[in-house]
Protein backbone atom coordinates (compact mmCIF):
# COMPACT_ATOMS: atom_id res chain seq x y z
CA UNK A 1 -53.48 -35.55 8.95
CA UNK A 2 -51.96 -38.74 7.59
CA UNK A 3 -49.25 -40.65 9.54
CA UNK A 4 -45.74 -40.10 8.19
CA UNK A 5 -45.39 -43.82 7.42
CA UNK A 6 -48.23 -43.53 4.90
CA UNK A 7 -46.30 -40.87 2.98
CA UNK A 8 -42.58 -41.65 3.34
CA UNK A 9 -41.04 -45.10 2.92
CA UNK A 10 -37.70 -46.40 1.63
CA UNK A 11 -38.90 -46.30 -1.98
CA UNK A 12 -39.87 -42.63 -1.68
CA UNK A 13 -36.39 -41.86 -0.30
CA UNK A 14 -34.63 -43.83 -3.04
CA UNK A 15 -36.77 -42.33 -5.80
CA UNK A 16 -36.30 -38.79 -4.43
CA UNK A 17 -32.51 -39.10 -4.18
CA UNK A 18 -32.35 -40.80 -7.58
CA UNK A 19 -34.30 -37.94 -9.11
CA UNK A 20 -31.97 -35.47 -7.34
CA UNK A 21 -28.97 -36.92 -9.19
CA UNK A 22 -31.07 -37.27 -12.36
CA UNK A 23 -31.94 -33.56 -12.37
CA UNK A 24 -28.37 -32.61 -11.48
CA UNK A 25 -27.17 -34.34 -14.64
CA UNK A 26 -30.13 -33.22 -16.74
CA UNK A 27 -29.45 -29.51 -16.25
CA UNK A 28 -25.67 -29.69 -15.91
CA UNK A 29 -25.03 -29.30 -19.63
CA UNK A 30 -27.23 -26.22 -19.78
CA UNK A 31 -25.22 -24.75 -16.92
CA UNK A 32 -21.74 -25.53 -18.27
CA UNK A 33 -22.62 -25.18 -21.98
CA UNK A 34 -20.66 -21.97 -22.55
CA UNK A 35 -17.52 -22.68 -20.48
CA UNK A 36 -17.27 -26.29 -21.63
CA UNK A 37 -17.64 -25.45 -25.33
CA UNK A 38 -15.18 -22.56 -25.03
CA UNK A 39 -12.73 -24.98 -23.43
CA UNK A 40 -13.16 -27.20 -26.52
CA UNK A 41 -12.32 -24.27 -28.82
CA UNK A 42 -15.86 -23.17 -29.78
CA UNK A 43 -16.72 -19.46 -29.92
CA UNK A 44 -19.16 -16.88 -31.34
CA UNK A 45 -22.41 -18.04 -32.94
CA UNK A 46 -21.12 -21.62 -32.79
CA UNK A 47 -21.63 -21.55 -29.01
CA UNK A 48 -25.37 -21.32 -29.63
CA UNK A 49 -25.46 -23.69 -32.62
CA UNK A 50 -23.31 -26.40 -31.03
CA UNK A 51 -25.20 -25.94 -27.78
CA UNK A 52 -28.49 -26.66 -29.57
CA UNK A 53 -26.91 -29.72 -31.20
CA UNK A 54 -25.70 -31.16 -27.89
CA UNK A 55 -28.98 -30.38 -26.14
CA UNK A 56 -30.88 -32.09 -28.93
CA UNK A 57 -28.59 -35.15 -28.71
CA UNK A 58 -29.37 -35.41 -25.01
CA UNK A 59 -33.10 -35.03 -25.62
CA UNK A 60 -33.06 -37.52 -28.50
CA UNK A 61 -31.48 -40.01 -26.12
CA UNK A 62 -34.23 -39.33 -23.63
CA UNK A 63 -36.90 -39.93 -26.23
CA UNK A 64 -35.45 -43.32 -27.13
CA UNK A 65 -34.65 -44.15 -23.51
CA UNK A 66 -38.15 -43.26 -22.39
CA UNK A 67 -39.63 -45.93 -24.65
CA UNK A 68 -36.96 -48.50 -23.73
CA UNK A 69 -37.16 -48.03 -19.96
CA UNK A 70 -40.94 -47.70 -20.00
CA UNK A 71 -41.38 -51.07 -21.71
CA UNK A 72 -38.77 -52.70 -19.45
CA UNK A 73 -40.49 -51.24 -16.38
CA UNK A 74 -43.71 -53.08 -17.23
CA UNK A 75 -42.02 -56.24 -18.50
CA UNK A 76 -39.16 -56.69 -16.03
CA UNK A 77 -40.16 -54.60 -13.04
CA UNK A 78 -39.91 -51.06 -11.73
CA UNK A 79 -36.77 -51.63 -9.62
CA UNK A 80 -34.71 -52.92 -12.54
CA UNK A 81 -35.36 -49.67 -14.40
CA UNK A 82 -34.78 -47.48 -11.37
CA UNK A 83 -31.27 -48.76 -10.84
CA UNK A 84 -30.37 -49.57 -14.44
CA UNK A 85 -31.02 -45.96 -15.42
CA UNK A 86 -28.97 -44.64 -12.49
CA UNK A 87 -26.00 -46.80 -13.53
CA UNK A 88 -26.14 -45.71 -17.19
CA UNK A 89 -26.33 -41.96 -16.63
CA UNK A 90 -23.64 -42.15 -13.94
CA UNK A 91 -21.21 -43.78 -16.39
CA UNK A 92 -22.19 -41.22 -19.07
CA UNK A 93 -21.51 -38.37 -16.65
CA UNK A 94 -18.00 -39.64 -16.03
CA UNK A 95 -17.52 -40.05 -19.80
CA UNK A 96 -18.57 -36.42 -20.33
CA UNK A 97 -15.86 -35.35 -17.95
CA UNK A 98 -13.27 -36.93 -20.25
CA UNK A 99 -14.68 -35.53 -23.55
CA UNK A 100 -12.15 -33.56 -25.62
CA UNK A 101 -14.18 -32.94 -28.77
CA UNK A 102 -17.72 -31.89 -29.63
CA UNK A 103 -18.26 -35.31 -31.25
CA UNK A 104 -17.34 -37.19 -28.07
CA UNK A 105 -19.36 -34.72 -26.02
CA UNK A 106 -22.41 -35.40 -28.23
CA UNK A 107 -22.08 -39.18 -27.91
CA UNK A 108 -21.91 -39.04 -24.13
CA UNK A 109 -24.83 -36.59 -23.93
CA UNK A 110 -26.89 -39.04 -26.00
CA UNK A 111 -25.96 -41.93 -23.69
CA UNK A 112 -26.70 -39.75 -20.66
CA UNK A 113 -30.10 -38.99 -22.15
CA UNK A 114 -30.81 -42.71 -22.49
CA UNK A 115 -30.03 -43.21 -18.80
CA UNK A 116 -31.83 -40.13 -17.54
CA UNK A 117 -35.04 -41.23 -19.25
CA UNK A 118 -35.85 -44.03 -16.80
CA UNK A 119 -35.42 -42.54 -13.35
CA UNK A 120 -38.52 -40.41 -12.80
CA UNK A 121 -41.09 -42.73 -14.39
CA UNK A 122 -39.91 -45.80 -12.49
CA UNK A 123 -39.76 -43.91 -9.19
CA UNK A 124 -43.20 -42.34 -9.52
CA UNK A 125 -44.75 -45.64 -10.64
CA UNK A 126 -43.30 -47.45 -7.61
CA UNK A 127 -44.51 -44.78 -5.22
CA UNK A 128 -47.98 -44.57 -6.80
CA UNK A 129 -48.39 -48.34 -6.46
CA UNK A 130 -47.07 -48.66 -2.89
CA UNK A 131 -48.56 -45.67 -1.05
CA UNK A 132 -52.25 -45.42 -0.10
CA UNK A 133 -54.31 -43.73 -2.81
CA UNK A 134 -55.09 -40.80 -0.50
CA UNK A 135 -51.41 -39.98 0.08
CA UNK A 136 -49.62 -40.93 -3.14
CA UNK A 137 -49.77 -37.30 -4.27
CA UNK A 138 -47.62 -36.38 -1.27
CA UNK A 139 -45.14 -39.08 -2.29
CA UNK A 140 -44.68 -37.71 -5.79
CA UNK A 141 -44.52 -34.19 -4.32
CA UNK A 142 -41.57 -35.28 -2.17
CA UNK A 143 -39.85 -36.94 -5.13
CA UNK A 144 -40.17 -33.82 -7.27
CA UNK A 145 -39.32 -31.33 -4.54
CA UNK A 146 -36.19 -33.16 -3.36
CA UNK A 147 -35.21 -34.15 -6.89
CA UNK A 148 -35.42 -30.68 -8.39
CA UNK A 149 -33.06 -29.41 -5.70
CA UNK A 150 -30.46 -31.28 -7.76
CA UNK A 151 -30.59 -28.40 -10.24
CA UNK A 152 -29.95 -25.85 -7.49
CA UNK A 153 -27.04 -27.99 -6.30
CA UNK A 154 -25.71 -28.22 -9.86
CA UNK A 155 -25.84 -24.44 -10.23
CA UNK A 156 -23.95 -23.98 -6.97
CA UNK A 157 -21.31 -26.62 -7.78
CA UNK A 158 -20.75 -25.18 -11.27
CA UNK A 159 -19.72 -21.85 -9.78
CA UNK A 160 -17.02 -23.45 -7.64
CA UNK A 161 -15.53 -26.24 -9.77
CA UNK A 162 -14.24 -26.81 -13.30
CA UNK A 163 -16.92 -28.15 -15.68
CA UNK A 164 -15.19 -31.55 -15.94
CA UNK A 165 -15.22 -31.93 -12.15
CA UNK A 166 -18.95 -31.14 -12.19
CA UNK A 167 -19.55 -34.18 -14.40
CA UNK A 168 -17.35 -36.40 -12.22
CA UNK A 169 -19.32 -35.34 -9.14
CA UNK A 170 -22.59 -36.29 -10.84
CA UNK A 171 -21.26 -39.68 -11.87
CA UNK A 172 -19.90 -40.37 -8.39
CA UNK A 173 -23.18 -39.43 -6.70
CA UNK A 174 -25.07 -41.78 -9.01
CA UNK A 175 -22.81 -44.74 -8.31
CA UNK A 176 -23.07 -44.12 -4.55
CA UNK A 177 -26.84 -44.08 -4.90
CA UNK A 178 -26.80 -47.64 -6.19
CA UNK A 179 -25.89 -48.77 -2.67
CA UNK A 180 -29.40 -47.80 -1.58
CA UNK A 181 -30.76 -50.67 -3.65
CA UNK A 182 -30.23 -52.86 -0.58
CA UNK A 183 -33.60 -53.23 1.10
CA UNK A 184 -35.65 -51.88 -1.82
CA UNK A 185 -38.75 -53.86 -2.75
CA UNK A 186 -40.90 -54.28 -5.85
CA UNK A 187 -44.46 -52.99 -6.18
CA UNK A 188 -47.08 -55.45 -4.93
CA UNK A 189 -49.43 -54.50 -7.78
CA UNK A 190 -46.73 -55.31 -10.29
CA UNK A 191 -45.96 -58.65 -8.64
CA UNK A 192 -49.63 -59.64 -8.98
CA UNK A 193 -49.79 -59.07 -12.73
CA UNK A 194 -46.28 -60.50 -13.27
CA UNK A 195 -47.55 -63.81 -11.91
CA UNK A 196 -50.71 -63.67 -14.00
CA UNK A 197 -51.15 -64.18 -17.72
CA UNK A 198 -51.31 -60.45 -18.52
CA UNK A 199 -49.64 -58.69 -21.43
CA UNK A 200 -47.33 -56.00 -20.08
CA UNK A 201 -45.37 -53.13 -21.56
CA UNK A 202 -47.17 -53.15 -24.92
CA UNK A 203 -46.05 -49.67 -25.99
CA UNK A 204 -47.75 -49.76 -29.39
CA UNK A 205 -51.10 -50.59 -27.77
CA UNK A 206 -51.15 -46.92 -26.75
CA UNK A 207 -51.67 -46.10 -30.43
CA UNK A 208 -54.07 -48.88 -31.52
CA UNK A 209 -57.05 -47.61 -29.52
CA UNK A 210 -58.24 -44.08 -30.32
CA UNK A 211 -59.54 -43.29 -26.83
CA UNK A 212 -56.38 -44.60 -25.16
CA UNK A 213 -54.13 -42.73 -27.61
CA UNK A 214 -55.92 -39.40 -27.06
CA UNK A 215 -55.65 -39.83 -23.30
CA UNK A 216 -51.93 -40.59 -23.63
CA UNK A 217 -51.38 -37.61 -25.95
CA UNK A 218 -53.14 -35.25 -23.53
CA UNK A 219 -50.95 -36.50 -20.67
CA UNK A 220 -47.91 -35.48 -22.72
CA UNK A 221 -49.17 -32.14 -24.00
CA UNK A 222 -50.07 -30.66 -20.60
CA UNK A 223 -46.35 -30.61 -19.84
CA UNK A 224 -45.26 -28.66 -22.94
CA UNK A 225 -45.13 -25.22 -21.24
CA UNK A 226 -42.78 -26.65 -18.59
CA UNK A 227 -40.09 -27.69 -21.01
CA UNK A 228 -40.49 -24.66 -23.22
CA UNK A 229 -39.53 -22.56 -20.20
CA UNK A 230 -36.65 -24.82 -19.11
CA UNK A 231 -35.34 -25.84 -22.53
CA UNK A 232 -35.54 -22.45 -24.25
CA UNK A 233 -36.19 -19.47 -21.96
CA UNK A 234 -33.82 -20.58 -19.21
CA UNK A 235 -31.22 -22.56 -21.16
CA UNK A 236 -30.74 -19.71 -23.64
CA UNK A 237 -31.29 -16.93 -21.10
CA UNK A 238 -27.96 -15.21 -22.01
CA UNK A 239 -29.18 -14.80 -25.60
CA UNK A 240 -32.61 -13.54 -24.48
CA UNK A 241 -30.99 -11.09 -22.05
CA UNK A 242 -28.83 -9.75 -24.88
CA UNK A 243 -31.92 -9.27 -27.06
CA UNK A 244 -33.63 -7.45 -24.17
CA UNK A 245 -30.60 -5.10 -23.97
CA UNK A 246 -29.89 -5.91 -20.35
CA UNK A 247 -26.84 -3.97 -19.17
CA UNK A 248 -25.41 -6.86 -17.13
CA UNK A 249 -24.26 -10.22 -18.54
CA UNK A 250 -26.52 -13.14 -17.60
CA UNK A 251 -25.20 -16.53 -16.51
CA UNK A 252 -27.18 -19.54 -17.72
CA UNK A 253 -26.03 -21.39 -14.59
CA UNK A 254 -27.52 -18.77 -12.29
CA UNK A 255 -30.71 -18.55 -14.36
CA UNK A 256 -31.11 -22.31 -14.00
CA UNK A 257 -30.36 -22.19 -10.28
CA UNK A 258 -32.98 -19.48 -9.69
CA UNK A 259 -35.61 -21.06 -11.95
CA UNK A 260 -35.20 -24.46 -10.32
CA UNK A 261 -35.41 -22.88 -6.88
CA UNK A 262 -38.79 -21.55 -8.01
CA UNK A 263 -39.64 -24.99 -9.40
CA UNK A 264 -38.92 -26.59 -6.02
CA UNK A 265 -41.31 -24.15 -4.34
CA UNK A 266 -43.90 -24.57 -7.09
CA UNK A 267 -43.83 -28.36 -6.95
CA UNK A 268 -44.25 -28.33 -3.19
CA UNK A 269 -47.13 -25.83 -3.30
CA UNK A 270 -48.92 -27.43 -6.27
CA UNK A 271 -48.57 -30.92 -4.81
CA UNK A 272 -49.82 -29.84 -1.39
CA UNK A 273 -52.77 -27.86 -2.80
CA UNK A 274 -53.79 -30.71 -5.11
CA UNK A 275 -53.97 -32.99 -2.06
CA UNK A 276 -55.84 -30.38 -0.02
CA UNK A 277 -58.38 -29.68 -2.79
CA UNK A 278 -58.46 -33.35 -3.82
CA UNK A 279 -58.19 -32.15 -7.42
CA UNK A 280 -55.22 -32.27 -9.83
CA UNK A 281 -56.69 -30.47 -12.85
CA UNK A 282 -57.62 -27.23 -11.11
CA UNK A 283 -54.09 -26.87 -9.76
CA UNK A 284 -52.49 -27.48 -13.17
CA UNK A 285 -54.84 -24.91 -14.74
CA UNK A 286 -53.90 -22.23 -12.19
CA UNK A 287 -50.17 -22.88 -12.61
CA UNK A 288 -50.45 -22.75 -16.41
CA UNK A 289 -52.04 -19.31 -16.06
CA UNK A 290 -49.23 -18.22 -13.73
CA UNK A 291 -46.70 -19.46 -16.28
CA UNK A 292 -48.38 -17.39 -18.99
CA UNK A 293 -48.21 -14.26 -16.83
CA UNK A 294 -44.55 -14.75 -15.94
CA UNK A 295 -43.61 -15.49 -19.56
CA UNK A 296 -45.26 -12.24 -20.62
CA UNK A 297 -43.20 -10.35 -18.02
CA UNK A 298 -40.03 -12.12 -19.23
CA UNK A 299 -40.59 -11.07 -22.86
CA UNK A 300 -41.48 -7.46 -21.99
CA UNK A 301 -38.68 -6.75 -19.53
CA UNK A 302 -37.09 -3.31 -19.93
CA UNK A 303 -33.27 -3.02 -19.72
CA UNK A 304 -33.00 -3.87 -16.01
CA UNK A 305 -30.34 -5.22 -13.68
CA UNK A 306 -29.35 -8.88 -13.57
CA UNK A 307 -30.94 -9.49 -10.11
CA UNK A 308 -34.37 -8.50 -11.44
CA UNK A 309 -33.92 -10.79 -14.45
CA UNK A 310 -33.02 -13.68 -12.13
CA UNK A 311 -36.11 -12.81 -10.08
CA UNK A 312 -38.26 -13.33 -13.17
CA UNK A 313 -36.49 -16.68 -13.73
CA UNK A 314 -37.44 -17.61 -10.15
CA UNK A 315 -41.07 -16.68 -10.87
CA UNK A 316 -41.05 -18.69 -14.11
CA UNK A 317 -39.79 -21.70 -12.19
CA UNK A 318 -42.63 -21.37 -9.70
CA UNK A 319 -45.16 -21.10 -12.53
CA UNK A 320 -44.05 -24.36 -14.14
CA UNK A 321 -43.97 -26.03 -10.74
CA UNK A 322 -46.81 -28.38 -11.58
CA UNK A 323 -44.31 -31.01 -12.82
CA UNK A 324 -45.01 -33.37 -9.90
CA UNK A 325 -48.78 -33.09 -10.40
CA UNK A 326 -48.35 -33.63 -14.16
CA UNK A 327 -46.39 -36.86 -13.65
CA UNK A 328 -48.89 -38.02 -11.02
CA UNK A 329 -51.76 -37.45 -13.44
CA UNK A 330 -49.99 -39.52 -16.11
CA UNK A 331 -49.35 -42.41 -13.68
CA UNK A 332 -52.98 -42.46 -12.55
CA UNK A 333 -54.51 -42.55 -16.03
CA UNK A 334 -53.55 -46.13 -16.99
CA UNK A 335 -53.63 -49.71 -15.67
CA UNK A 336 -50.75 -51.53 -13.97
CA UNK A 337 -49.65 -53.35 -17.14
CA UNK A 338 -49.05 -50.03 -18.96
CA UNK A 339 -48.40 -47.66 -16.05
CA UNK A 340 -44.59 -47.69 -16.13
CA UNK A 341 -44.61 -47.36 -19.92
CA UNK A 342 -46.80 -44.26 -19.75
CA UNK A 343 -45.22 -42.71 -16.65
CA UNK A 344 -41.74 -43.10 -18.12
CA UNK A 345 -42.42 -42.13 -21.74
CA UNK A 346 -44.71 -39.14 -21.10
CA UNK A 347 -42.14 -36.99 -19.21
CA UNK A 348 -39.46 -37.89 -21.74
CA UNK A 349 -41.60 -37.04 -24.73
CA UNK A 350 -42.18 -33.69 -23.02
CA UNK A 351 -38.45 -33.26 -22.50
CA UNK A 352 -37.87 -34.40 -26.07
CA UNK A 353 -40.33 -31.80 -27.31
CA UNK A 354 -37.46 -29.36 -26.82
CA UNK A 355 -36.02 -30.70 -30.09
CA UNK A 356 -38.88 -29.52 -32.39
CA UNK A 357 -39.44 -26.47 -30.19
CA UNK A 358 -35.83 -25.32 -30.59
CA UNK A 359 -36.03 -25.87 -34.36
CA UNK A 360 -39.26 -23.84 -34.47
CA UNK A 361 -37.71 -21.16 -32.27
CA UNK A 362 -34.62 -20.94 -34.50
CA UNK A 363 -36.83 -20.62 -37.59
CA UNK A 364 -39.00 -17.88 -36.07
CA UNK A 365 -35.93 -16.15 -34.59
CA UNK A 366 -34.43 -15.75 -38.07
CA UNK A 367 -37.63 -14.21 -39.43
CA UNK A 368 -38.98 -12.21 -36.47
CA UNK A 369 -36.17 -11.90 -33.92
CA UNK A 370 -35.34 -13.56 -30.61
CA UNK A 371 -38.11 -12.04 -28.46
CA UNK A 372 -41.07 -12.28 -30.91
CA UNK A 373 -39.98 -15.78 -31.95
CA UNK A 374 -39.78 -16.96 -28.35
CA UNK A 375 -43.14 -15.37 -27.51
CA UNK A 376 -44.88 -17.11 -30.42
CA UNK A 377 -43.52 -20.54 -29.45
CA UNK A 378 -44.45 -19.95 -25.80
CA UNK A 379 -48.01 -18.93 -26.65
CA UNK A 380 -48.42 -22.05 -28.79
CA UNK A 381 -47.19 -24.31 -25.97
CA UNK A 382 -49.58 -22.82 -23.40
CA UNK A 383 -52.56 -23.00 -25.74
CA UNK A 384 -51.87 -26.67 -26.55
CA UNK A 385 -51.39 -27.45 -22.85
CA UNK A 386 -54.69 -25.86 -21.82
CA UNK A 387 -56.64 -27.66 -24.54
CA UNK A 388 -55.11 -31.00 -23.50
CA UNK A 389 -55.88 -30.40 -19.81
CA UNK A 390 -59.53 -29.69 -20.58
CA UNK A 391 -60.06 -33.19 -21.98
CA UNK A 392 -58.39 -35.21 -19.21
CA UNK A 393 -60.29 -36.96 -16.42
CA UNK A 394 -59.69 -36.08 -12.77
CA UNK A 395 -57.73 -38.88 -11.06
CA UNK A 396 -57.36 -37.92 -7.39
CA UNK A 397 -58.05 -40.95 -5.22
CA UNK A 398 -58.49 -43.27 -8.23
CA UNK A 399 -58.01 -46.99 -7.57
CA UNK A 400 -54.93 -48.15 -9.54
CA UNK A 401 -55.08 -51.91 -9.07
CA UNK A 402 -56.44 -52.80 -12.51
CA UNK A 403 -55.10 -53.72 -15.95
CA UNK A 404 -55.65 -52.36 -19.43
CA UNK A 405 -57.11 -54.56 -22.16
CA UNK A 406 -54.37 -54.71 -24.78
């Protein structure tokens, strides 16, 4: 066994708590979508249509923010991104609490997306560069496991407070988290290249070399099944439950709470097993297969009670619980001068993939129905993810103290 000091340090704690608040805010809209839009005077089919619009605004912000924070993380340092992103999404959360129109709501969700984009990549990059190579997988496992509990917390809070208060709580937690910056330190690997004459944060260099681009693309695509499940199956679980003729109404907030509880368990198990087996790819492959099985059950559910439906959401969450391993793989694929750029942009491009996926789902839903349309999009995501995984190199124990030629 490894000593605790080789797994947990102040940066792991800060990154884990930062990701906790990050995930709280990330899923909060999905949880309060219906009550918040009804409070703004939206009803009927518009609840779905305006919900898609606001979700896409948030994800568009994350796409742009991922590039911005990724470049800044390699040019200005990992800590500047870690705390800059926390500040931005905290202010956006508070702004959401004061929104009184769909337009204002959309603007604040976009700004929140910009802020949310930087937290995970900066935290994982810092941890990967400061922990020993044999234990960094445990560090990212802790970040993901603690962080994803933020969704469970958001689901619980949403059931006890008004939706505006939920946003104020998220903003307040983020601002309190900034106090933890005292005592935080920058990555030693980053300090070395910052003092040297090395080009850093060259985002477009990821596209100028065919081998590097394909590696980057594969890092992104292995995460597609994760955000198909979260962004479509769970976020729009009330609509899927209606199409499945479930007798009981389904709460998106509870579906998210159960699925993220499964995700916490999945991230812990996948992270631990990947360290035990000393292999990331095998674990991701097994969890993709589990996701496929649980998605099939979801689409073929007979008219059952709400508790059984939530149980399937829990299982789906466990199946996609290779998020921590996915982000670790991305961080270990590239040199120190591009690591923050990749580790920050890859998760956000995956999150942003919800935008084209929802458009595709809406198109197929109109022509084939909710269940067949969702099943077709899900099958496509899993197939793409498996093909991408096949072509990636195994990175467990890889030495990270090197730079990319850009």
